[in-house]
Each structure stands twice: as structure tokens, then as C-alpha cells.
């Protein structure tokens, strides 16, 4: 199982939000490159980077921060936040990004996501962000009428690399990952699932290890607050 330490960018700084609320941001590092190096030094081989400003704007807002993380991190980097056109995807891949995460576009323009996934097999991740079982979009600011299962089913045969499932209500809150919902999605999806939102410590990592069809887990605040040791998490996941 892959452990993805997370770097969320707001105004060029590494932050963590509470429940996806941009007004409840805590700054943890002003240098994305330094943070990426620290994760690499701890043994991480994959990194999850989110352009939070881009998620609300619908286009890149923290390209410099992403570039700094890419330059400092020798492993694989997946990027999300405001990726809603093919040009957005191509630009990130040209910069050296491993995988692009598409959320709002997956709901509002599924044909685009399918086309891009066909052009770049196993390099597109569909973000399935949920509030009370329904898909949230546009930086989690809006809740749709589409269920998690329904959105996942739309991309079952699209050639996407993974589904990134986040329980928005737990994100950044250290409440523990929504294990039941994550396992339920992994059980019905032919596409691997990445767990995200609420990881509080080693108990969450241990609970996910060995679960069928779960490719990885994303963790942010637990690392920044010192509640989770990245080296220990990586060892357990391996």
C-alpha cells in the first residue's frame, strides 16, 4: 500500500484545511520544496499535492509551488486542484507530474475525463469527494445530487488509475479515516481506491493495510502535527 504524504498549497504555502474550509487554514510550511524534501528524506516515494486555490478558481494558481515540490522530490508526484481541461492535464504532465487528479471535471464533464484517460492510461485519478454520501465539487464548496457509488460506476471501464475517496467531513479533523465507506467503495469498484480524509494515526494505517483493492492512503495533518510518524507508516504499509 502506498502512503502519500500530502502538500496542500494555498497562496504558495503548505497548509491544512479543516473540513475543506479555506477560511480554516493552518500554515505548516512556507516552502513547498523544503516540505517535499523532508517527506523524501523520511522515505516517501509518492507525494500528493493539491492546488487549493486552483480548486476554487478552476485553473492553476500554485504552479510555482508544485514545481518546487517536483524539483525537490525524487519520487512520483500526483497533483490535483482545478484540473478541468485537457490543456491543464497536459501542462502538468509536461512539468513532470506522474498522475493528475480530476474531481469537478469527472462530475461535470465525464467525457473529457474518459478521453484524457484513454490518451494517458493509468495516469488519471478520479477524485470521489463525499459529503454525507453525495459527491462534493468545486473545491468541496458545492454538494451534488450524485452518489459516491454512481460517480465511481461511471469510470469503472474508463482506464483511470484510481479513485481517490475523501470523506470531506473528516478531512483535516483527525477523526479517523472513514474505513467502512472506503472498504465499501473498494468492494464494488474494479478500479483501485486511495483512502483520504481524517487519518489520525497508526491505527488508520494498520486498518487499511491488506484491505482488498485499496492502493494507498493520503495523510496530511497527522504528519504535520506529529501524531503519525511517516517512517513508521511507510514500514507498516510495506
C-alpha atoms as a PDB file:
ATOM      1  CA  UNK A   1       0.000   0.000   0.000  1.00  0.00           C
ATOM      2  CA  UNK A   2       1.271   3.456  -0.912  1.00  0.00           C
ATOM      3  CA  UNK A   3       1.429   6.117   1.781  1.00  0.00           C
ATOM      4  CA  UNK A   4       1.061   9.540   0.155  1.00  0.00           C
ATOM      5  CA  UNK A   5       2.124  12.439   2.391  1.00  0.00           C
ATOM      6  CA  UNK A   6       0.101  15.477   1.350  1.00  0.00           C
ATOM      7  CA  UNK A   7       1.109  19.019   0.483  1.00  0.00           C
ATOM      8  CA  UNK A   8      -1.871  21.352   0.145  1.00  0.00           C
ATOM      9  CA  UNK A   9      -0.987  24.723  -1.366  1.00  0.00           C
ATOM     10  CA  UNK A  10      -2.750  27.990  -0.565  1.00  0.00           C
ATOM     11  CA  UNK A  11      -1.041  31.224  -1.529  1.00  0.00           C
ATOM     12  CA  UNK A  12       2.169  29.320  -2.154  1.00  0.00           C
ATOM     13  CA  UNK A  13       2.269  27.944   1.394  1.00  0.00           C
ATOM     14  CA  UNK A  14       1.792  24.419   2.722  1.00  0.00           C
ATOM     15  CA  UNK A  15      -1.443  24.402   4.698  1.00  0.00           C
ATOM     16  CA  UNK A  16      -4.107  22.072   6.002  1.00  0.00           C
ATOM     17  CA  UNK A  17      -7.788  22.928   5.947  1.00  0.00           C
ATOM     18  CA  UNK A  18     -10.481  21.805   8.363  1.00  0.00           C
ATOM     19  CA  UNK A  19     -13.340  20.091   6.507  1.00  0.00           C
ATOM     20  CA  UNK A  20     -12.250  21.724   3.250  1.00  0.00           C
ATOM     21  CA  UNK A  21     -12.930  25.254   4.546  1.00  0.00           C
ATOM     22  CA  UNK A  22     -10.483  27.784   3.048  1.00  0.00           C
ATOM     23  CA  UNK A  23     -11.120  30.120   5.987  1.00  0.00           C
ATOM     24  CA  UNK A  24      -9.896  27.440   8.406  1.00  0.00           C
ATOM     25  CA  UNK A  25      -6.371  27.003   7.094  1.00  0.00           C
ATOM     26  CA  UNK A  26      -3.313  26.302   9.234  1.00  0.00           C
ATOM     27  CA  UNK A  27       0.077  27.136   7.698  1.00  0.00           C
ATOM     28  CA  UNK A  28       2.697  24.448   8.330  1.00  0.00           C
ATOM     29  CA  UNK A  29       5.495  25.416   5.956  1.00  0.00           C
ATOM     30  CA  UNK A  30       6.102  28.408   3.705  1.00  0.00           C
ATOM     31  CA  UNK A  31       8.433  26.410   1.435  1.00  0.00           C
ATOM     32  CA  UNK A  32       6.798  23.564  -0.569  1.00  0.00           C
ATOM     33  CA  UNK A  33      10.182  22.391  -1.800  1.00  0.00           C
ATOM     34  CA  UNK A  34      11.555  22.044   1.713  1.00  0.00           C
ATOM     35  CA  UNK A  35       8.451  20.144   2.793  1.00  0.00           C
ATOM     36  CA  UNK A  36       8.715  17.784  -0.175  1.00  0.00           C
ATOM     37  CA  UNK A  37      12.388  17.130   0.645  1.00  0.00           C
ATOM     38  CA  UNK A  38      11.503  16.372   4.248  1.00  0.00           C
ATOM     39  CA  UNK A  39       8.977  13.759   3.135  1.00  0.00           C
ATOM     40  CA  UNK A  40      11.518  12.251   0.737  1.00  0.00           C
ATOM     41  CA  UNK A  41      14.147  12.134   3.478  1.00  0.00           C
ATOM     42  CA  UNK A  42      11.675  10.178   5.625  1.00  0.00           C
ATOM     43  CA  UNK A  43      11.423   7.564   2.875  1.00  0.00           C
ATOM     44  CA  UNK A  44       8.301   8.575   0.948  1.00  0.00           C
ATOM     45  CA  UNK A  45       8.311   7.520  -2.713  1.00  0.00           C
ATOM     46  CA  UNK A  46       4.999   9.113  -3.683  1.00  0.00           C
ATOM     47  CA  UNK A  47       3.594  12.555  -2.934  1.00  0.00           C
ATOM     48  CA  UNK A  48       0.105  14.047  -3.183  1.00  0.00           C
ATOM     49  CA  UNK A  49      -0.040  17.776  -3.976  1.00  0.00           C
ATOM     50  CA  UNK A  50      -3.215  19.859  -4.118  1.00  0.00           C
ATOM     51  CA  UNK A  51      -3.548  23.360  -5.555  1.00  0.00           C
ATOM     52  CA  UNK A  52      -6.308  24.547  -3.204  1.00  0.00           C
ATOM     53  CA  UNK A  53      -6.615  27.964  -4.816  1.00  0.00           C
ATOM     54  CA  UNK A  54      -6.847  26.246  -8.188  1.00  0.00           C
ATOM     55  CA  UNK A  55      -9.670  24.025  -6.966  1.00  0.00           C
ATOM     56  CA  UNK A  56     -11.807  27.108  -6.361  1.00  0.00           C
ATOM     57  CA  UNK A  57     -10.593  29.076  -9.391  1.00  0.00           C
ATOM     58  CA  UNK A  58     -10.889  26.188 -11.843  1.00  0.00           C
ATOM     59  CA  UNK A  59      -7.336  26.675 -13.095  1.00  0.00           C
ATOM     60  CA  UNK A  60      -3.776  26.534 -11.784  1.00  0.00           C
ATOM     61  CA  UNK A  61      -2.930  29.061  -9.068  1.00  0.00           C
ATOM     62  CA  UNK A  62       0.091  27.453  -7.377  1.00  0.00           C
ATOM     63  CA  UNK A  63       2.195  26.244 -10.293  1.00  0.00           C
ATOM     64  CA  UNK A  64       5.374  27.629  -8.710  1.00  0.00           C
ATOM     65  CA  UNK A  65       4.715  25.712  -5.511  1.00  0.00           C
ATOM     66  CA  UNK A  66       4.019  22.490  -7.407  1.00  0.00           C
ATOM     67  CA  UNK A  67       7.200  22.994  -9.456  1.00  0.00           C
ATOM     68  CA  UNK A  68       9.211  23.467  -6.265  1.00  0.00           C
ATOM     69  CA  UNK A  69       7.819  20.231  -4.831  1.00  0.00           C
ATOM     70  CA  UNK A  70       8.556  18.379  -8.066  1.00  0.00           C
ATOM     71  CA  UNK A  71      12.131  19.636  -8.135  1.00  0.00           C
ATOM     72  CA  UNK A  72      12.747  18.591  -4.546  1.00  0.00           C
ATOM     73  CA  UNK A  73      11.003  15.220  -4.552  1.00  0.00           C
ATOM     74  CA  UNK A  74      12.699  12.342  -6.426  1.00  0.00           C
ATOM     75  CA  UNK A  75       9.658  10.048  -6.358  1.00  0.00           C
ATOM     76  CA  UNK A  76       6.249  10.122  -8.037  1.00  0.00           C
ATOM     77  CA  UNK A  77       4.021  13.167  -7.623  1.00  0.00           C
ATOM     78  CA  UNK A  78       0.292  13.287  -8.260  1.00  0.00           C
ATOM     79  CA  UNK A  79      -1.388  16.677  -8.454  1.00  0.00           C
ATOM     80  CA  UNK A  80      -4.990  17.825  -8.093  1.00  0.00           C
ATOM     81  CA  UNK A  81      -6.922  21.054  -7.782  1.00  0.00           C
ATOM     82  CA  UNK A  82      -8.660  22.888 -10.613  1.00  0.00           C
ATOM     83  CA  UNK A  83      -7.707  20.426 -13.355  1.00  0.00           C
ATOM     84  CA  UNK A  84     -10.738  20.787 -15.625  1.00  0.00           C
ATOM     85  CA  UNK A  85      -9.400  20.893 -19.189  1.00  0.00           C
ATOM     86  CA  UNK A  86      -7.174  18.703 -21.317  1.00  0.00           C
ATOM     87  CA  UNK A  87      -4.715  21.589 -21.541  1.00  0.00           C
ATOM     88  CA  UNK A  88      -4.464  21.605 -17.723  1.00  0.00           C
ATOM     89  CA  UNK A  89      -3.633  17.906 -17.729  1.00  0.00           C
ATOM     90  CA  UNK A  90      -1.054  18.187 -20.498  1.00  0.00           C
ATOM     91  CA  UNK A  91       0.632  21.141 -18.794  1.00  0.00           C
ATOM     92  CA  UNK A  92       1.100  19.206 -15.542  1.00  0.00           C
ATOM     93  CA  UNK A  93       2.429  16.138 -17.362  1.00  0.00           C
ATOM     94  CA  UNK A  94       4.907  18.291 -19.281  1.00  0.00           C
ATOM     95  CA  UNK A  95       6.106  19.669 -15.957  1.00  0.00           C
ATOM     96  CA  UNK A  96       6.846  16.135 -14.740  1.00  0.00           C
ATOM     97  CA  UNK A  97       3.723  15.237 -12.787  1.00  0.00           C
ATOM     98  CA  UNK A  98       3.101  11.474 -12.509  1.00  0.00           C
ATOM     99  CA  UNK A  99      -0.704  11.496 -12.226  1.00  0.00           C
ATOM    100  CA  UNK A 100      -3.420  14.158 -12.474  1.00  0.00           C
ATOM    101  CA  UNK A 101      -6.394  14.113 -10.105  1.00  0.00           C
ATOM    102  CA  UNK A 102      -9.717  15.254 -11.587  1.00  0.00           C
ATOM    103  CA  UNK A 103     -12.788  15.807  -9.415  1.00  0.00           C
ATOM    104  CA  UNK A 104     -15.172  18.526 -10.586  1.00  0.00           C
ATOM    105  CA  UNK A 105     -14.450  17.640 -14.220  1.00  0.00           C
ATOM    106  CA  UNK A 106     -15.322  13.999 -13.530  1.00  0.00           C
ATOM    107  CA  UNK A 107     -18.792  15.065 -12.427  1.00  0.00           C
ATOM    108  CA  UNK A 108     -19.443  17.888 -14.885  1.00  0.00           C
ATOM    109  CA  UNK A 109     -17.577  16.666 -17.968  1.00  0.00           C
ATOM    110  CA  UNK A 110     -17.095  12.885 -17.749  1.00  0.00           C
ATOM    111  CA  UNK A 111     -16.462  12.603 -21.485  1.00  0.00           C
ATOM    112  CA  UNK A 112     -13.384  14.800 -21.097  1.00  0.00           C
ATOM    113  CA  UNK A 113     -12.033  12.647 -18.290  1.00  0.00           C
ATOM    114  CA  UNK A 114     -12.619   9.493 -20.315  1.00  0.00           C
ATOM    115  CA  UNK A 115     -10.838  10.989 -23.323  1.00  0.00           C
ATOM    116  CA  UNK A 116      -7.848  12.080 -21.259  1.00  0.00           C
ATOM    117  CA  UNK A 117      -7.686   8.695 -19.518  1.00  0.00           C
ATOM    118  CA  UNK A 118      -7.585   6.956 -22.884  1.00  0.00           C
ATOM    119  CA  UNK A 119      -4.799   9.261 -24.043  1.00  0.00           C
ATOM    120  CA  UNK A 120      -2.850   8.751 -20.791  1.00  0.00           C
ATOM    121  CA  UNK A 121      -3.587   5.253 -19.463  1.00  0.00           C
ATOM    122  CA  UNK A 122      -3.181   4.845 -15.695  1.00  0.00           C
ATOM    123  CA  UNK A 123      -2.243   8.491 -15.203  1.00  0.00           C
ATOM    124  CA  UNK A 124      -5.654   9.975 -14.368  1.00  0.00           C
ATOM    125  CA  UNK A 125      -7.115   9.682 -10.868  1.00  0.00           C
ATOM    126  CA  UNK A 126     -10.806  10.445 -10.312  1.00  0.00           C
ATOM    127  CA  UNK A 127     -11.482  12.256  -7.049  1.00  0.00           C
ATOM    128  CA  UNK A 128     -14.617  10.996  -5.331  1.00  0.00           C
ATOM    129  CA  UNK A 129     -15.136  13.621  -2.648  1.00  0.00           C
ATOM    130  CA  UNK A 130     -18.143  12.966  -0.428  1.00  0.00           C
ATOM    131  CA  UNK A 131     -20.349  14.844   1.986  1.00  0.00           C
ATOM    132  CA  UNK A 132     -22.894  12.513   3.567  1.00  0.00           C
ATOM    133  CA  UNK A 133     -22.510  10.057   0.712  1.00  0.00           C
ATOM    134  CA  UNK A 134     -23.009  12.619  -2.066  1.00  0.00           C
ATOM    135  CA  UNK A 135     -20.268  13.978  -4.326  1.00  0.00           C
ATOM    136  CA  UNK A 136     -18.876  17.433  -3.466  1.00  0.00           C
ATOM    137  CA  UNK A 137     -17.394  19.631  -6.201  1.00  0.00           C
ATOM    138  CA  UNK A 138     -15.676  22.966  -6.890  1.00  0.00           C
ATOM    139  CA  UNK A 139     -13.227  22.823  -4.038  1.00  0.00           C
ATOM    140  CA  UNK A 140     -15.810  20.955  -1.927  1.00  0.00           C
ATOM    141  CA  UNK A 141     -17.875  24.134  -1.792  1.00  0.00           C
ATOM    142  CA  UNK A 142     -20.896  22.559  -3.520  1.00  0.00           C
ATOM    143  CA  UNK A 143     -22.683  19.253  -2.965  1.00  0.00           C
ATOM    144  CA  UNK A 144     -24.168  17.462  -5.968  1.00  0.00           C
ATOM    145  CA  UNK A 145     -27.091  15.028  -6.201  1.00  0.00           C
ATOM    146  CA  UNK A 146     -24.795  12.263  -7.448  1.00  0.00           C
ATOM    147  CA  UNK A 147     -23.893   9.469  -5.038  1.00  0.00           C
ATOM    148  CA  UNK A 148     -20.372   8.184  -4.492  1.00  0.00           C
ATOM    149  CA  UNK A 149     -21.272   4.791  -5.964  1.00  0.00           C
ATOM    150  CA  UNK A 150     -22.843   6.357  -9.038  1.00  0.00           C
ATOM    151  CA  UNK A 151     -19.822   8.516  -9.833  1.00  0.00           C
ATOM    152  CA  UNK A 152     -17.462   5.592  -9.320  1.00  0.00           C
ATOM    153  CA  UNK A 153     -19.526   3.411 -11.663  1.00  0.00           C
ATOM    154  CA  UNK A 154     -19.246   5.989 -14.449  1.00  0.00           C
ATOM    155  CA  UNK A 155     -15.485   5.421 -14.630  1.00  0.00           C
ATOM    156  CA  UNK A 156     -15.317   1.691 -13.964  1.00  0.00           C
ATOM    157  CA  UNK A 157     -14.159   0.977 -17.522  1.00  0.00           C
ATOM    158  CA  UNK A 158     -12.519   4.294 -18.374  1.00  0.00           C
ATOM    159  CA  UNK A 159      -8.911   3.273 -17.801  1.00  0.00           C
ATOM    160  CA  UNK A 160      -8.335   5.603 -14.866  1.00  0.00           C
ATOM    161  CA  UNK A 161      -5.547   4.715 -12.455  1.00  0.00           C
ATOM    162  CA  UNK A 162      -7.505   5.001  -9.217  1.00  0.00           C
ATOM    163  CA  UNK A 163     -10.430   6.519  -7.368  1.00  0.00           C
ATOM    164  CA  UNK A 164      -9.405   8.938  -4.622  1.00  0.00           C
ATOM    165  CA  UNK A 165     -12.124   8.733  -1.971  1.00  0.00           C
ATOM    166  CA  UNK A 166     -12.273  11.535   0.578  1.00  0.00           C
ATOM    167  CA  UNK A 167     -14.800  11.960   3.354  1.00  0.00           C
ATOM    168  CA  UNK A 168     -14.836  15.769   3.361  1.00  0.00           C
ATOM    169  CA  UNK A 169     -16.328  15.985   6.840  1.00  0.00           C
ATOM    170  CA  UNK A 170     -13.304  14.185   8.264  1.00  0.00           C
ATOM    171  CA  UNK A 171     -10.587  15.902   6.229  1.00  0.00           C
ATOM    172  CA  UNK A 172      -8.128  17.725   8.426  1.00  0.00           C
ATOM    173  CA  UNK A 173     -10.134  16.844  11.532  1.00  0.00           C
ATOM    174  CA  UNK A 174      -8.126  13.832  12.801  1.00  0.00           C
ATOM    175  CA  UNK A 175     -11.354  11.895  13.320  1.00  0.00           C
ATOM    176  CA  UNK A 176     -10.024   8.728  11.738  1.00  0.00           C
ATOM    177  CA  UNK A 177     -10.461   7.574   8.158  1.00  0.00           C
ATOM    178  CA  UNK A 178     -13.972   6.525   7.101  1.00  0.00           C
ATOM    179  CA  UNK A 179     -12.956   2.895   6.916  1.00  0.00           C
ATOM    180  CA  UNK A 180     -16.451   1.498   6.349  1.00  0.00           C
ATOM    181  CA  UNK A 181     -17.211   3.741   3.357  1.00  0.00           C
ATOM    182  CA  UNK A 182     -13.734   3.275   1.880  1.00  0.00           C
ATOM    183  CA  UNK A 183     -13.918  -0.516   2.072  1.00  0.00           C
ATOM    184  CA  UNK A 184     -17.453  -0.473   0.662  1.00  0.00           C
ATOM    185  CA  UNK A 185     -16.331   1.548  -2.360  1.00  0.00           C
ATOM    186  CA  UNK A 186     -13.283  -0.671  -2.910  1.00  0.00           C
ATOM    187  CA  UNK A 187     -15.527  -3.754  -2.812  1.00  0.00           C
ATOM    188  CA  UNK A 188     -17.735  -2.614  -5.701  1.00  0.00           C
ATOM    189  CA  UNK A 189     -15.130  -0.812  -7.811  1.00  0.00           C
ATOM    190  CA  UNK A 190     -12.911  -2.543 -10.379  1.00  0.00           C
ATOM    191  CA  UNK A 191     -10.628   0.485 -10.048  1.00  0.00           C
ATOM    192  CA  UNK A 192      -8.213   0.683  -7.078  1.00  0.00           C
ATOM    193  CA  UNK A 193      -9.175   3.090  -4.298  1.00  0.00           C
ATOM    194  CA  UNK A 194      -6.999   5.590  -2.435  1.00  0.00           C
ATOM    195  CA  UNK A 195      -8.260   6.464   1.045  1.00  0.00           C
ATOM    196  CA  UNK A 196      -8.178  10.064   2.220  1.00  0.00           C
ATOM    197  CA  UNK A 197      -9.619  12.305   4.896  1.00  0.00           C
ATOM    198  CA  UNK A 198      -9.306  12.067   8.651  1.00  0.00           C
ATOM    199  CA  UNK A 199      -6.218   9.895   9.122  1.00  0.00           C
ATOM    200  CA  UNK A 200      -5.336  10.362  12.769  1.00  0.00           C
ATOM    201  CA  UNK A 201      -2.520   7.899  13.442  1.00  0.00           C
ATOM    202  CA  UNK A 202      -1.097   4.417  13.004  1.00  0.00           C
ATOM    203  CA  UNK A 203      -4.427   2.753  13.752  1.00  0.00           C
ATOM    204  CA  UNK A 204      -5.803   4.088  10.468  1.00  0.00           C
ATOM    205  CA  UNK A 205      -2.794   2.855   8.504  1.00  0.00           C
ATOM    206  CA  UNK A 206      -2.998  -0.577  10.137  1.00  0.00           C
ATOM    207  CA  UNK A 207      -6.733  -0.837   9.414  1.00  0.00           C
ATOM    208  CA  UNK A 208      -6.204  -0.155   5.705  1.00  0.00           C
ATOM    209  CA  UNK A 209      -3.187  -2.411   5.135  1.00  0.00           C
ATOM    210  CA  UNK A 210      -4.227  -5.632   3.446  1.00  0.00           C
ATOM    211  CA  UNK A 211      -7.731  -4.474   2.544  1.00  0.00           C
ATOM    212  CA  UNK A 212      -8.664  -5.649  -0.976  1.00  0.00           C
ATOM    213  CA  UNK A 213      -8.414  -3.122  -3.807  1.00  0.00           C
ATOM    214  CA  UNK A 214      -7.062  -0.266  -1.666  1.00  0.00           C
ATOM    215  CA  UNK A 215      -3.998   1.134  -3.413  1.00  0.00           C
ATOM    216  CA  UNK A 216      -2.973   3.715  -0.870  1.00  0.00           C
ATOM    217  CA  UNK A 217      -3.761   6.331   1.740  1.00  0.00           C
ATOM    218  CA  UNK A 218      -3.210  10.082   1.831  1.00  0.00           C
ATOM    219  CA  UNK A 219      -2.255  11.719   5.104  1.00  0.00           C
ATOM    220  CA  UNK A 220      -1.569  15.332   5.971  1.00  0.00           C
ATOM    221  CA  UNK A 221      -2.441  16.896   9.310  1.00  0.00           C
ATOM    222  CA  UNK A 222      -1.499  13.792  11.308  1.00  0.00           C
ATOM    223  CA  UNK A 223       2.027  14.075   9.900  1.00  0.00           C
ATOM    224  CA  UNK A 224       2.304  17.823  10.402  1.00  0.00           C
ATOM    225  CA  UNK A 225       1.002  17.624  13.957  1.00  0.00           C
ATOM    226  CA  UNK A 226       3.345  14.768  14.848  1.00  0.00           C
ATOM    227  CA  UNK A 227       0.540  12.284  15.520  1.00  0.00           C
ATOM    228  CA  UNK A 228       1.806   9.968  12.781  1.00  0.00           C
ATOM    229  CA  UNK A 229       5.426   9.080  12.112  1.00  0.00           C
ATOM    230  CA  UNK A 230       5.940   8.808   8.357  1.00  0.00           C
ATOM    231  CA  UNK A 231       8.730   6.247   8.596  1.00  0.00           C
ATOM    232  CA  UNK A 232       6.589   4.019  10.799  1.00  0.00           C
ATOM    233  CA  UNK A 233       3.610   4.385   8.480  1.00  0.00           C
ATOM    234  CA  UNK A 234       5.715   3.514   5.434  1.00  0.00           C
ATOM    235  CA  UNK A 235       7.142   0.450   7.161  1.00  0.00           C
ATOM    236  CA  UNK A 236       3.679  -0.772   8.126  1.00  0.00           C
ATOM    237  CA  UNK A 237       2.305  -0.185   4.628  1.00  0.00           C
ATOM    238  CA  UNK A 238       5.196  -2.081   3.065  1.00  0.00           C
END
